[in-house]
Amino acid sequence: MRNLTLRQLRSVQAIVRHRTIAAAARQLGLTAPAVTLQIKQLEDDVGLPLFTRTNDGMRLTAAGSAVLNAANAVETSLRALGDEVGAIKGVRSGTIRLGAVSTAKYFAPRLIAAFRQSFPDIEIKLTVGNRLAIIADLKAYQSDIALMGRPPVEFPVTSTFFGDHPLVMIAPPDHPLARERDISRERLLEETIIIREPGSGTRSSLEIFFAAYPDGLEAASAEMGSNETIKQAVMAGLGIAFISAHTIAFEVEMGRLVILDVADMPIRRKWYGVSRRERMTAPAELAFMDFLVQRGARHLPLIDRLYPPDSLSGAKERLSTDDGLLSP
């Protein structure tokens, strides 16, 4: 593998992106025969085919996927090198590809805006998806940093804690459970519980909460694919839902949703900034991670605003006694 070149690796990336050699050649500013030659030379060096031709275009083989991961890693390292050289020259600039699980989209723009007040020349490209999609981007070197609640274990990562993440059960204000206190798991299972799709970190937390009642949760649940859809369904009276407290501040303040006083809730999770451990970290990324540690928590929604003084005293007390989650 000592003979491979950047041009060959970039040819692989372009074909994966555009699915045809002709389109890849146009992006690279080369002829189609030149790109074909690059791929053939790389396949000869690897000793295995990198692509198969299908009706939908060129598709990676297992060997091709390994080469693509290496190409992405090389591009990431070269970009980090450019940023580091720029930092040595005194240039405070760079680009960060930031991934965020869907729940984090409710505060990620505030984080980015606050960060760019100090570093206006650092560009941040935000991608939002469910947990599995964000992990896949991180693994494939498509994201530099990911904001998530549960770091992956499939590959080595560096995880930096920057804030608390409470998960709660919600209902419309006129729901019978809105007037009850210390609601049990068994009582919750008498209701329709609206849950996120497989791959969501919120769903995983709820499944752990109901681990002793797996069949009960499956029988009681209705699946929906986004926090916004779930909130609308609850407000329409279709059921109760388990959701991040950071996603419902506006609806609770407007009196359209209430947080139920459930025994052993809120479930406490944490927010992390996650990056691949083995890759070179660019100066811009180091600045962003330092910002997360120093100032990230203050840009999360204030949980105490969700609890009126005369309601849900039990849940509010559980929050206020846990790591100072409520603001003074």
C-alpha atoms as a PDB file:
ATOM      1  CA  MET A   1       0.000   0.000   0.000  1.00  0.00           C
ATOM      2  CA  ARG A   2       3.011   2.319  -0.143  1.00  0.00           C
ATOM      3  CA  ASN A   3       2.281   3.405  -3.711  1.00  0.00           C
ATOM      4  CA  LEU A   4      -1.178   4.844  -3.203  1.00  0.00           C
ATOM      5  CA  THR A   5      -1.629   8.562  -3.852  1.00  0.00           C
ATOM      6  CA  LEU A   6      -3.927  11.338  -2.690  1.00  0.00           C
ATOM      7  CA  ARG A   7      -5.338  11.526  -6.204  1.00  0.00           C
ATOM      8  CA  GLN A   8      -6.352   7.862  -6.022  1.00  0.00           C
ATOM      9  CA  LEU A   9      -7.994   8.329  -2.614  1.00  0.00           C
ATOM     10  CA  ARG A  10      -9.848  11.410  -3.804  1.00  0.00           C
ATOM     11  CA  SER A  11     -11.054   9.488  -6.849  1.00  0.00           C
ATOM     12  CA  VAL A  12     -12.610   6.915  -4.517  1.00  0.00           C
ATOM     13  CA  GLN A  13     -14.292   9.669  -2.483  1.00  0.00           C
ATOM     14  CA  ALA A  14     -15.655  11.357  -5.604  1.00  0.00           C
ATOM     15  CA  ILE A  15     -17.082   8.135  -7.043  1.00  0.00           C
ATOM     16  CA  VAL A  16     -18.798   7.346  -3.741  1.00  0.00           C
ATOM     17  CA  ARG A  17     -20.247  10.859  -3.667  1.00  0.00           C
ATOM     18  CA  HIS A  18     -21.490  10.931  -7.281  1.00  0.00           C
ATOM     19  CA  ARG A  19     -21.985   7.202  -7.994  1.00  0.00           C
ATOM     20  CA  THR A  20     -20.511   7.371 -11.524  1.00  0.00           C
ATOM     21  CA  ILE A  21     -16.990   7.766 -12.887  1.00  0.00           C
ATOM     22  CA  ALA A  22     -18.101  10.471 -15.318  1.00  0.00           C
ATOM     23  CA  ALA A  23     -19.590  12.652 -12.549  1.00  0.00           C
ATOM     24  CA  ALA A  24     -16.580  12.025 -10.327  1.00  0.00           C
ATOM     25  CA  ALA A  25     -14.260  13.081 -13.141  1.00  0.00           C
ATOM     26  CA  ARG A  26     -16.152  16.353 -13.589  1.00  0.00           C
ATOM     27  CA  GLN A  27     -15.782  17.161  -9.908  1.00  0.00           C
ATOM     28  CA  LEU A  28     -12.070  16.355  -9.932  1.00  0.00           C
ATOM     29  CA  GLY A  29     -11.378  18.228 -13.177  1.00  0.00           C
ATOM     30  CA  LEU A  30     -10.117  15.051 -14.850  1.00  0.00           C
ATOM     31  CA  THR A  31     -11.220  12.874 -17.732  1.00  0.00           C
ATOM     32  CA  ALA A  32     -13.212   9.709 -17.084  1.00  0.00           C
ATOM     33  CA  PRO A  33     -10.351   7.484 -18.403  1.00  0.00           C
ATOM     34  CA  ALA A  34      -7.956   9.219 -15.975  1.00  0.00           C
ATOM     35  CA  VAL A  35     -10.214   8.438 -13.010  1.00  0.00           C
ATOM     36  CA  THR A  36     -10.672   4.867 -14.229  1.00  0.00           C
ATOM     37  CA  LEU A  37      -6.895   4.498 -14.362  1.00  0.00           C
ATOM     38  CA  GLN A  38      -6.527   5.856 -10.815  1.00  0.00           C
ATOM     39  CA  ILE A  39      -9.006   3.279  -9.506  1.00  0.00           C
ATOM     40  CA  LYS A  40      -7.425   0.412 -11.464  1.00  0.00           C
ATOM     41  CA  GLN A  41      -3.970   1.251 -10.105  1.00  0.00           C
ATOM     42  CA  LEU A  42      -5.331   1.398  -6.567  1.00  0.00           C
ATOM     43  CA  GLU A  43      -7.177  -1.915  -7.001  1.00  0.00           C
ATOM     44  CA  ASP A  44      -3.976  -3.500  -8.296  1.00  0.00           C
ATOM     45  CA  ASP A  45      -2.157  -2.223  -5.210  1.00  0.00           C
ATOM     46  CA  VAL A  46      -4.888  -3.438  -2.833  1.00  0.00           C
ATOM     47  CA  GLY A  47      -5.331  -6.727  -4.640  1.00  0.00           C
ATOM     48  CA  LEU A  48      -9.136  -6.566  -4.469  1.00  0.00           C
ATOM     49  CA  PRO A  49     -11.906  -4.787  -6.381  1.00  0.00           C
ATOM     50  CA  LEU A  50     -13.096  -1.563  -4.728  1.00  0.00           C
ATOM     51  CA  PHE A  51     -16.399  -1.113  -6.585  1.00  0.00           C
ATOM     52  CA  THR A  52     -19.145  -3.162  -8.166  1.00  0.00           C
ATOM     53  CA  ARG A  53     -21.297  -1.761 -10.972  1.00  0.00           C
ATOM     54  CA  THR A  54     -25.066  -1.777 -10.364  1.00  0.00           C
ATOM     55  CA  ASN A  55     -28.101  -0.220 -11.995  1.00  0.00           C
ATOM     56  CA  ASP A  56     -27.907   2.489  -9.334  1.00  0.00           C
ATOM     57  CA  GLY A  57     -24.264   3.272 -10.057  1.00  0.00           C
ATOM     58  CA  MET A  58     -20.951   2.292  -8.513  1.00  0.00           C
ATOM     59  CA  ARG A  59     -21.146   0.658  -5.069  1.00  0.00           C
ATOM     60  CA  LEU A  60     -18.294   0.010  -2.650  1.00  0.00           C
ATOM     61  CA  THR A  61     -17.096  -3.473  -1.879  1.00  0.00           C
ATOM     62  CA  ALA A  62     -15.849  -4.341   1.622  1.00  0.00           C
ATOM     63  CA  ALA A  63     -12.319  -3.448   0.519  1.00  0.00           C
ATOM     64  CA  GLY A  64     -13.616  -0.224  -0.998  1.00  0.00           C
ATOM     65  CA  SER A  65     -15.248   0.748   2.301  1.00  0.00           C
ATOM     66  CA  ALA A  66     -11.928   0.257   4.083  1.00  0.00           C
ATOM     67  CA  VAL A  67     -10.151   2.434   1.506  1.00  0.00           C
ATOM     68  CA  LEU A  68     -12.860   5.114   1.825  1.00  0.00           C
ATOM     69  CA  ASN A  69     -12.440   5.237   5.611  1.00  0.00           C
ATOM     70  CA  ALA A  70      -8.686   5.664   5.139  1.00  0.00           C
ATOM     71  CA  ALA A  71      -9.254   8.400   2.538  1.00  0.00           C
ATOM     72  CA  ASN A  72     -11.583  10.267   4.893  1.00  0.00           C
ATOM     73  CA  ALA A  73      -9.069   9.958   7.725  1.00  0.00           C
ATOM     74  CA  VAL A  74      -6.278  11.321   5.526  1.00  0.00           C
ATOM     75  CA  GLU A  75      -8.417  14.280   4.407  1.00  0.00           C
ATOM     76  CA  THR A  76      -9.296  15.040   8.018  1.00  0.00           C
ATOM     77  CA  SER A  77      -5.654  14.964   9.073  1.00  0.00           C
ATOM     78  CA  LEU A  78      -4.611  17.200   6.173  1.00  0.00           C
ATOM     79  CA  ARG A  79      -7.319  19.709   7.031  1.00  0.00           C
ATOM     80  CA  ALA A  80      -6.268  19.676  10.694  1.00  0.00           C
ATOM     81  CA  LEU A  81      -2.652  20.183   9.593  1.00  0.00           C
ATOM     82  CA  GLY A  82      -3.692  23.210   7.555  1.00  0.00           C
ATOM     83  CA  ASP A  83      -5.532  24.659  10.541  1.00  0.00           C
ATOM     84  CA  GLU A  84      -2.553  24.037  12.812  1.00  0.00           C
ATOM     85  CA  VAL A  85      -0.144  25.710  10.427  1.00  0.00           C
ATOM     86  CA  GLY A  86      -2.583  28.603  10.243  1.00  0.00           C
ATOM     87  CA  ALA A  87      -2.633  28.814  14.023  1.00  0.00           C
ATOM     88  CA  ILE A  88       1.170  28.910  14.096  1.00  0.00           C
ATOM     89  CA  LYS A  89       0.980  31.813  11.667  1.00  0.00           C
ATOM     90  CA  GLY A  90      -1.462  33.532  14.012  1.00  0.00           C
ATOM     91  CA  VAL A  91      -4.583  32.886  11.953  1.00  0.00           C
ATOM     92  CA  ARG A  92      -7.634  32.098  14.155  1.00  0.00           C
ATOM     93  CA  SER A  93      -9.673  30.326  11.509  1.00  0.00           C
ATOM     94  CA  GLY A  94     -10.718  26.874  10.373  1.00  0.00           C
ATOM     95  CA  THR A  95     -13.751  24.686   9.763  1.00  0.00           C
ATOM     96  CA  ILE A  96     -15.506  22.315  12.173  1.00  0.00           C
ATOM     97  CA  ARG A  97     -17.902  19.647  10.950  1.00  0.00           C
ATOM     98  CA  LEU A  98     -20.244  19.357  13.910  1.00  0.00           C
ATOM     99  CA  GLY A  99     -22.704  16.495  14.252  1.00  0.00           C
ATOM    100  CA  ALA A 100     -25.624  16.699  16.685  1.00  0.00           C
ATOM    101  CA  VAL A 101     -28.209  14.134  17.714  1.00  0.00           C
ATOM    102  CA  SER A 102     -31.711  15.390  16.977  1.00  0.00           C
ATOM    103  CA  THR A 103     -32.424  16.419  20.570  1.00  0.00           C
ATOM    104  CA  ALA A 104     -29.340  18.660  20.560  1.00  0.00           C
ATOM    105  CA  LYS A 105     -30.719  20.756  17.693  1.00  0.00           C
ATOM    106  CA  TYR A 106     -32.745  22.676  20.286  1.00  0.00           C
ATOM    107  CA  PHE A 107     -29.592  24.252  21.717  1.00  0.00           C
ATOM    108  CA  ALA A 108     -26.814  23.634  19.162  1.00  0.00           C
ATOM    109  CA  PRO A 109     -27.511  26.892  17.252  1.00  0.00           C
ATOM    110  CA  ARG A 110     -27.131  28.881  20.497  1.00  0.00           C
ATOM    111  CA  LEU A 111     -23.829  27.123  21.202  1.00  0.00           C
ATOM    112  CA  ILE A 112     -22.560  27.884  17.714  1.00  0.00           C
ATOM    113  CA  ALA A 113     -23.651  31.539  17.855  1.00  0.00           C
ATOM    114  CA  ALA A 114     -21.983  32.062  21.244  1.00  0.00           C
ATOM    115  CA  PHE A 115     -18.788  30.348  20.097  1.00  0.00           C
ATOM    116  CA  ARG A 116     -18.572  32.455  16.947  1.00  0.00           C
ATOM    117  CA  GLN A 117     -18.751  35.651  18.977  1.00  0.00           C
ATOM    118  CA  SER A 118     -15.249  34.762  20.177  1.00  0.00           C
ATOM    119  CA  PHE A 119     -14.096  33.025  16.987  1.00  0.00           C
ATOM    120  CA  PRO A 120     -15.886  34.720  14.077  1.00  0.00           C
ATOM    121  CA  ASP A 121     -13.523  33.273  11.459  1.00  0.00           C
ATOM    122  CA  ILE A 122     -14.134  29.647  12.428  1.00  0.00           C
ATOM    123  CA  GLU A 123     -16.862  28.115  10.259  1.00  0.00           C
ATOM    124  CA  ILE A 124     -19.094  25.423  11.751  1.00  0.00           C
ATOM    125  CA  LYS A 125     -21.047  23.088   9.473  1.00  0.00           C
ATOM    126  CA  LEU A 126     -23.875  21.476  11.457  1.00  0.00           C
ATOM    127  CA  THR A 127     -25.404  18.076  10.659  1.00  0.00           C
ATOM    128  CA  VAL A 128     -28.393  16.779  12.666  1.00  0.00           C
ATOM    129  CA  GLY A 129     -29.531  13.141  12.817  1.00  0.00           C
ATOM    130  CA  ASN A 130     -30.479  10.382  15.195  1.00  0.00           C
ATOM    131  CA  ARG A 131     -27.819   8.746  17.323  1.00  0.00           C
ATOM    132  CA  LEU A 132     -26.979   5.953  14.864  1.00  0.00           C
ATOM    133  CA  ALA A 133     -26.570   8.393  11.964  1.00  0.00           C
ATOM    134  CA  ILE A 134     -24.323  10.734  13.965  1.00  0.00           C
ATOM    135  CA  ILE A 135     -22.163   7.820  15.137  1.00  0.00           C
ATOM    136  CA  ALA A 136     -21.865   6.614  11.529  1.00  0.00           C
ATOM    137  CA  ASP A 137     -20.659  10.070  10.439  1.00  0.00           C
ATOM    138  CA  LEU A 138     -18.139  10.175  13.283  1.00  0.00           C
ATOM    139  CA  LYS A 139     -16.874   6.685  12.440  1.00  0.00           C
ATOM    140  CA  ALA A 140     -16.520   7.570   8.739  1.00  0.00           C
ATOM    141  CA  TYR A 141     -14.644  10.814   9.532  1.00  0.00           C
ATOM    142  CA  GLN A 142     -17.558  12.830   8.153  1.00  0.00           C
ATOM    143  CA  SER A 143     -17.867  14.719  11.460  1.00  0.00           C
ATOM    144  CA  ASP A 144     -15.073  16.166  13.577  1.00  0.00           C
ATOM    145  CA  ILE A 145     -17.079  16.554  16.799  1.00  0.00           C
ATOM    146  CA  ALA A 146     -20.481  15.145  17.770  1.00  0.00           C
ATOM    147  CA  LEU A 147     -22.863  16.404  20.444  1.00  0.00           C
ATOM    148  CA  MET A 148     -24.599  13.415  22.020  1.00  0.00           C
ATOM    149  CA  GLY A 149     -25.726  11.933  25.288  1.00  0.00           C
ATOM    150  CA  ARG A 150     -24.161   8.468  25.119  1.00  0.00           C
ATOM    151  CA  PRO A 151     -20.735   8.164  23.456  1.00  0.00           C
ATOM    152  CA  PRO A 152     -20.215   5.184  21.125  1.00  0.00           C
ATOM    153  CA  VAL A 153     -18.238   2.145  22.222  1.00  0.00           C
ATOM    154  CA  GLU A 154     -17.695   0.648  18.757  1.00  0.00           C
ATOM    155  CA  PHE A 155     -14.468   2.606  18.205  1.00  0.00           C
ATOM    156  CA  PRO A 156     -12.114   4.688  20.404  1.00  0.00           C
ATOM    157  CA  VAL A 157     -13.394   8.187  21.163  1.00  0.00           C
ATOM    158  CA  THR A 158     -12.614  11.086  23.454  1.00  0.00           C
ATOM    159  CA  SER A 159     -15.711  12.274  25.332  1.00  0.00           C
ATOM    160  CA  THR A 160     -15.921  15.660  27.052  1.00  0.00           C
ATOM    161  CA  PHE A 161     -18.822  16.325  29.449  1.00  0.00           C
ATOM    162  CA  PHE A 162     -20.365  19.793  29.180  1.00  0.00           C
ATOM    163  CA  GLY A 163     -23.876  19.701  30.656  1.00  0.00           C
ATOM    164  CA  ASP A 164     -26.764  17.803  32.218  1.00  0.00           C
ATOM    165  CA  HIS A 165     -29.557  16.234  30.189  1.00  0.00           C
ATOM    166  CA  PRO A 166     -32.825  15.411  31.994  1.00  0.00           C
ATOM    167  CA  LEU A 167     -35.437  13.194  30.337  1.00  0.00           C
ATOM    168  CA  VAL A 168     -39.072  13.505  31.417  1.00  0.00           C
ATOM    169  CA  MET A 169     -42.576  12.210  30.754  1.00  0.00           C
ATOM    170  CA  ILE A 170     -45.029  14.741  29.283  1.00  0.00           C
ATOM    171  CA  ALA A 171     -48.806  14.975  28.796  1.00  0.00           C
ATOM    172  CA  PRO A 172     -51.408  17.567  27.766  1.00  0.00           C
ATOM    173  CA  PRO A 173     -52.477  19.806  30.677  1.00  0.00           C
ATOM    174  CA  ASP A 174     -55.960  18.229  30.928  1.00  0.00           C
ATOM    175  CA  HIS A 175     -54.662  14.657  31.167  1.00  0.00           C
ATOM    176  CA  PRO A 176     -55.729  12.780  34.348  1.00  0.00           C
ATOM    177  CA  LEU A 177     -52.078  12.007  35.175  1.00  0.00           C
ATOM    178  CA  ALA A 178     -51.268  15.722  35.273  1.00  0.00           C
ATOM    179  CA  ARG A 179     -52.851  15.884  38.746  1.00  0.00           C
ATOM    180  CA  GLU A 180     -51.146  12.766  40.161  1.00  0.00           C
ATOM    181  CA  ARG A 181     -47.876  12.551  42.110  1.00  0.00           C
ATOM    182  CA  ASP A 182     -45.152   9.861  42.140  1.00  0.00           C
ATOM    183  CA  ILE A 183     -46.731   8.030  39.215  1.00  0.00           C
ATOM    184  CA  SER A 184     -45.556   4.416  38.971  1.00  0.00           C
ATOM    185  CA  ARG A 185     -44.237   2.575  35.932  1.00  0.00           C
ATOM    186  CA  GLU A 186     -47.268   0.286  36.048  1.00  0.00           C
ATOM    187  CA  ARG A 187     -49.625   3.263  35.874  1.00  0.00           C
ATOM    188  CA  LEU A 188     -47.743   4.724  32.900  1.00  0.00           C
ATOM    189  CA  LEU A 189     -48.159   1.464  31.011  1.00  0.00           C
ATOM    190  CA  GLU A 190     -51.931   1.885  31.181  1.00  0.00           C
ATOM    191  CA  GLU A 191     -51.519   4.821  28.777  1.00  0.00           C
ATOM    192  CA  THR A 192     -50.378   5.021  25.173  1.00  0.00           C
ATOM    193  CA  ILE A 193     -46.708   6.023  25.359  1.00  0.00           C
ATOM    194  CA  ILE A 194     -45.365   7.723  22.240  1.00  0.00           C
ATOM    195  CA  ILE A 195     -41.707   6.824  21.670  1.00  0.00           C
ATOM    196  CA  ARG A 196     -38.910   7.624  19.227  1.00  0.00           C
ATOM    197  CA  GLU A 197     -37.689   5.325  16.467  1.00  0.00           C
ATOM    198  CA  PRO A 198     -35.035   2.590  16.995  1.00  0.00           C
ATOM    199  CA  GLY A 199     -31.571   4.149  17.078  1.00  0.00           C
ATOM    200  CA  SER A 200     -32.689   7.114  19.169  1.00  0.00           C
ATOM    201  CA  GLY A 201     -30.866   7.658  22.460  1.00  0.00           C
ATOM    202  CA  THR A 202     -34.123   8.795  24.086  1.00  0.00           C
ATOM    203  CA  ARG A 203     -35.792   5.514  23.171  1.00  0.00           C
ATOM    204  CA  SER A 204     -32.867   3.534  24.592  1.00  0.00           C
ATOM    205  CA  SER A 205     -33.207   5.383  27.903  1.00  0.00           C
ATOM    206  CA  LEU A 206     -36.927   4.635  28.072  1.00  0.00           C
ATOM    207  CA  GLU A 207     -36.352   0.945  27.315  1.00  0.00           C
ATOM    208  CA  ILE A 208     -33.878   0.825  30.193  1.00  0.00           C
ATOM    209  CA  PHE A 209     -36.422   2.551  32.472  1.00  0.00           C
ATOM    210  CA  PHE A 210     -39.015  -0.124  31.606  1.00  0.00           C
ATOM    211  CA  ALA A 211     -36.508  -3.015  31.511  1.00  0.00           C
ATOM    212  CA  ALA A 212     -38.645  -5.029  33.952  1.00  0.00           C
ATOM    213  CA  TYR A 213     -41.701  -4.609  31.683  1.00  0.00           C
ATOM    214  CA  PRO A 214     -40.452  -5.188  28.103  1.00  0.00           C
ATOM    215  CA  ASP A 215     -43.709  -6.645  26.831  1.00  0.00           C
ATOM    216  CA  GLY A 216     -45.720  -3.958  28.601  1.00  0.00           C
ATOM    217  CA  LEU A 217     -43.800  -1.136  26.936  1.00  0.00           C
ATOM    218  CA  GLU A 218     -44.108  -2.730  23.513  1.00  0.00           C
ATOM    219  CA  ALA A 219     -47.862  -3.149  23.944  1.00  0.00           C
ATOM    220  CA  ALA A 220     -48.368   0.395  25.233  1.00  0.00           C
ATOM    221  CA  SER A 221     -46.140   2.289  22.797  1.00  0.00           C
ATOM    222  CA  ALA A 222     -46.693   4.095  19.508  1.00  0.00           C
ATOM    223  CA  GLU A 223     -43.615   5.020  17.466  1.00  0.00           C
ATOM    224  CA  MET A 224     -42.970   8.417  15.894  1.00  0.00           C
ATOM    225  CA  GLY A 225     -39.832   9.663  14.173  1.00  0.00           C
ATOM    226  CA  SER A 226     -39.132  13.125  15.587  1.00  0.00           C
ATOM    227  CA  ASN A 227     -39.456  15.193  18.749  1.00  0.00           C
ATOM    228  CA  GLU A 228     -41.653  17.737  16.963  1.00  0.00           C
ATOM    229  CA  THR A 229     -44.102  15.063  15.803  1.00  0.00           C
ATOM    230  CA  ILE A 230     -44.191  13.570  19.293  1.00  0.00           C
ATOM    231  CA  LYS A 231     -44.961  16.943  20.892  1.00  0.00           C
ATOM    232  CA  GLN A 232     -47.763  17.611  18.430  1.00  0.00           C
ATOM    233  CA  ALA A 233     -49.209  14.142  19.049  1.00  0.00           C
ATOM    234  CA  VAL A 234     -49.218  14.661  22.813  1.00  0.00           C
ATOM    235  CA  MET A 235     -50.836  18.091  22.497  1.00  0.00           C
ATOM    236  CA  ALA A 236     -53.482  16.479  20.268  1.00  0.00           C
ATOM    237  CA  GLY A 237     -54.295  13.976  23.020  1.00  0.00           C
ATOM    238  CA  LEU A 238     -52.899  10.871  21.322  1.00  0.00           C
ATOM    239  CA  GLY A 239     -50.922   9.785  24.383  1.00  0.00           C
ATOM    240  CA  ILE A 240     -48.123  10.675  26.768  1.00  0.00           C
ATOM    241  CA  ALA A 241     -44.462  10.727  25.785  1.00  0.00           C
ATOM    242  CA  PHE A 242     -40.925  10.407  27.112  1.00  0.00           C
ATOM    243  CA  ILE A 243     -38.771  13.233  25.843  1.00  0.00           C
ATOM    244  CA  SER A 244     -35.781  15.452  26.568  1.00  0.00           C
ATOM    245  CA  ALA A 245     -36.662  18.363  28.852  1.00  0.00           C
ATOM    246  CA  HIS A 246     -34.532  20.545  26.592  1.00  0.00           C
ATOM    247  CA  THR A 247     -37.018  20.133  23.733  1.00  0.00           C
ATOM    248  CA  ILE A 248     -40.194  21.289  25.499  1.00  0.00           C
ATOM    249  CA  ALA A 249     -39.345  24.596  27.216  1.00  0.00           C
ATOM    250  CA  PHE A 250     -41.565  26.697  24.937  1.00  0.00           C
ATOM    251  CA  GLU A 251     -44.591  24.383  25.051  1.00  0.00           C
ATOM    252  CA  VAL A 252     -44.472  24.086  28.858  1.00  0.00           C
ATOM    253  CA  GLU A 253     -44.103  27.829  29.324  1.00  0.00           C
ATOM    254  CA  MET A 254     -47.099  28.375  27.008  1.00  0.00           C
ATOM    255  CA  GLY A 255     -49.207  25.861  28.976  1.00  0.00           C
ATOM    256  CA  ARG A 256     -49.568  23.434  26.089  1.00  0.00           C
ATOM    257  CA  LEU A 257     -47.679  20.585  27.788  1.00  0.00           C
ATOM    258  CA  VAL A 258     -46.984  19.549  31.371  1.00  0.00           C
ATOM    259  CA  ILE A 259     -44.245  17.399  32.881  1.00  0.00           C
ATOM    260  CA  LEU A 260     -45.645  14.446  34.797  1.00  0.00           C
ATOM    261  CA  ASP A 261     -44.477  13.728  38.339  1.00  0.00           C
ATOM    262  CA  VAL A 262     -43.189  10.189  37.770  1.00  0.00           C
ATOM    263  CA  ALA A 263     -41.380   8.146  40.413  1.00  0.00           C
ATOM    264  CA  ASP A 264     -37.640   7.884  39.608  1.00  0.00           C
ATOM    265  CA  MET A 265     -37.845  10.674  37.035  1.00  0.00           C
ATOM    266  CA  PRO A 266     -36.399  12.781  35.596  1.00  0.00           C
ATOM    267  CA  ILE A 267     -33.879  10.334  34.233  1.00  0.00           C
ATOM    268  CA  ARG A 268     -30.518  12.044  34.325  1.00  0.00           C
ATOM    269  CA  ARG A 269     -28.211  11.810  31.351  1.00  0.00           C
ATOM    270  CA  LYS A 270     -25.263  13.963  30.324  1.00  0.00           C
ATOM    271  CA  TRP A 271     -24.238  15.859  27.202  1.00  0.00           C
ATOM    272  CA  TYR A 272     -20.824  15.157  25.688  1.00  0.00           C
ATOM    273  CA  GLY A 273     -18.687  16.524  22.918  1.00  0.00           C
ATOM    274  CA  VAL A 274     -17.264  13.422  21.222  1.00  0.00           C
ATOM    275  CA  SER A 275     -14.414  13.020  18.733  1.00  0.00           C
ATOM    276  CA  ARG A 276     -12.361  10.130  17.372  1.00  0.00           C
ATOM    277  CA  ARG A 277      -9.416   9.490  19.652  1.00  0.00           C
ATOM    278  CA  GLU A 278      -6.778   8.641  17.069  1.00  0.00           C
ATOM    279  CA  ARG A 279      -7.252  11.557  14.686  1.00  0.00           C
ATOM    280  CA  MET A 280      -5.314  14.809  14.740  1.00  0.00           C
ATOM    281  CA  THR A 281      -7.326  17.529  16.493  1.00  0.00           C
ATOM    282  CA  ALA A 282      -7.251  20.882  14.724  1.00  0.00           C
ATOM    283  CA  PRO A 283      -6.800  24.128  16.701  1.00  0.00           C
ATOM    284  CA  ALA A 284     -10.365  25.194  15.814  1.00  0.00           C
ATOM    285  CA  GLU A 285     -11.707  21.978  17.314  1.00  0.00           C
ATOM    286  CA  LEU A 286      -9.626  22.429  20.465  1.00  0.00           C
ATOM    287  CA  ALA A 287     -11.068  25.928  20.832  1.00  0.00           C
ATOM    288  CA  PHE A 288     -14.613  24.595  20.460  1.00  0.00           C
ATOM    289  CA  MET A 289     -14.097  21.794  22.992  1.00  0.00           C
ATOM    290  CA  ASP A 290     -12.652  24.280  25.471  1.00  0.00           C
ATOM    291  CA  PHE A 291     -15.704  26.476  24.892  1.00  0.00           C
ATOM    292  CA  LEU A 292     -18.003  23.517  25.607  1.00  0.00           C
ATOM    293  CA  VAL A 293     -16.288  22.813  28.916  1.00  0.00           C
ATOM    294  CA  GLN A 294     -16.143  26.432  30.039  1.00  0.00           C
ATOM    295  CA  ARG A 295     -19.439  27.812  28.756  1.00  0.00           C
ATOM    296  CA  GLY A 296     -21.504  25.046  27.147  1.00  0.00           C
ATOM    297  CA  ALA A 297     -23.839  24.401  30.099  1.00  0.00           C
ATOM    298  CA  ARG A 298     -25.065  27.988  30.269  1.00  0.00           C
ATOM    299  CA  HIS A 299     -26.491  27.698  26.756  1.00  0.00           C
ATOM    300  CA  LEU A 300     -28.696  24.713  27.611  1.00  0.00           C
ATOM    301  CA  PRO A 301     -32.381  25.527  28.307  1.00  0.00           C
ATOM    302  CA  LEU A 302     -33.007  26.444  31.972  1.00  0.00           C
ATOM    303  CA  ILE A 303     -34.959  23.567  33.454  1.00  0.00           C
ATOM    304  CA  ASP A 304     -36.435  25.524  36.372  1.00  0.00           C
ATOM    305  CA  ARG A 305     -38.546  27.517  33.932  1.00  0.00           C
ATOM    306  CA  LEU A 306     -40.463  24.322  33.165  1.00  0.00           C
ATOM    307  CA  TYR A 307     -41.794  23.991  36.706  1.00  0.00           C
ATOM    308  CA  PRO A 308     -44.333  26.538  37.993  1.00  0.00           C
ATOM    309  CA  PRO A 309     -43.847  27.249  41.736  1.00  0.00           C
ATOM    310  CA  ASP A 310     -47.120  25.547  42.747  1.00  0.00           C
ATOM    311  CA  SER A 311     -46.831  22.357  40.699  1.00  0.00           C
ATOM    312  CA  LEU A 312     -44.773  19.178  40.460  1.00  0.00           C
ATOM    313  CA  SER A 313     -42.966  19.820  43.717  1.00  0.00           C
ATOM    314  CA  GLY A 314     -41.643  16.276  43.814  1.00  0.00           C
ATOM    315  CA  ALA A 315     -40.074  16.366  40.355  1.00  0.00           C
ATOM    316  CA  LYS A 316     -38.718  19.851  40.920  1.00  0.00           C
ATOM    317  CA  GLU A 317     -37.136  18.791  44.194  1.00  0.00           C
ATOM    318  CA  ARG A 318     -35.480  15.803  42.515  1.00  0.00           C
ATOM    319  CA  LEU A 319     -34.038  18.124  39.887  1.00  0.00           C
ATOM    320  CA  SER A 320     -32.870  20.806  42.292  1.00  0.00           C
ATOM    321  CA  THR A 321     -31.000  18.376  44.529  1.00  0.00           C
ATOM    322  CA  ASP A 322     -29.042  16.767  41.696  1.00  0.00           C
ATOM    323  CA  ASP A 323     -25.802  18.564  40.762  1.00  0.00           C
ATOM    324  CA  GLY A 324     -27.339  22.023  40.837  1.00  0.00           C
ATOM    325  CA  LEU A 325     -29.316  21.552  37.648  1.00  0.00           C
ATOM    326  CA  LEU A 326     -31.710  24.363  38.533  1.00  0.00           C
ATOM    327  CA  SER A 327     -30.422  27.881  38.204  1.00  0.00           C
ATOM    328  CA  PRO A 328     -30.035  29.873  41.456  1.00  0.00           C
END
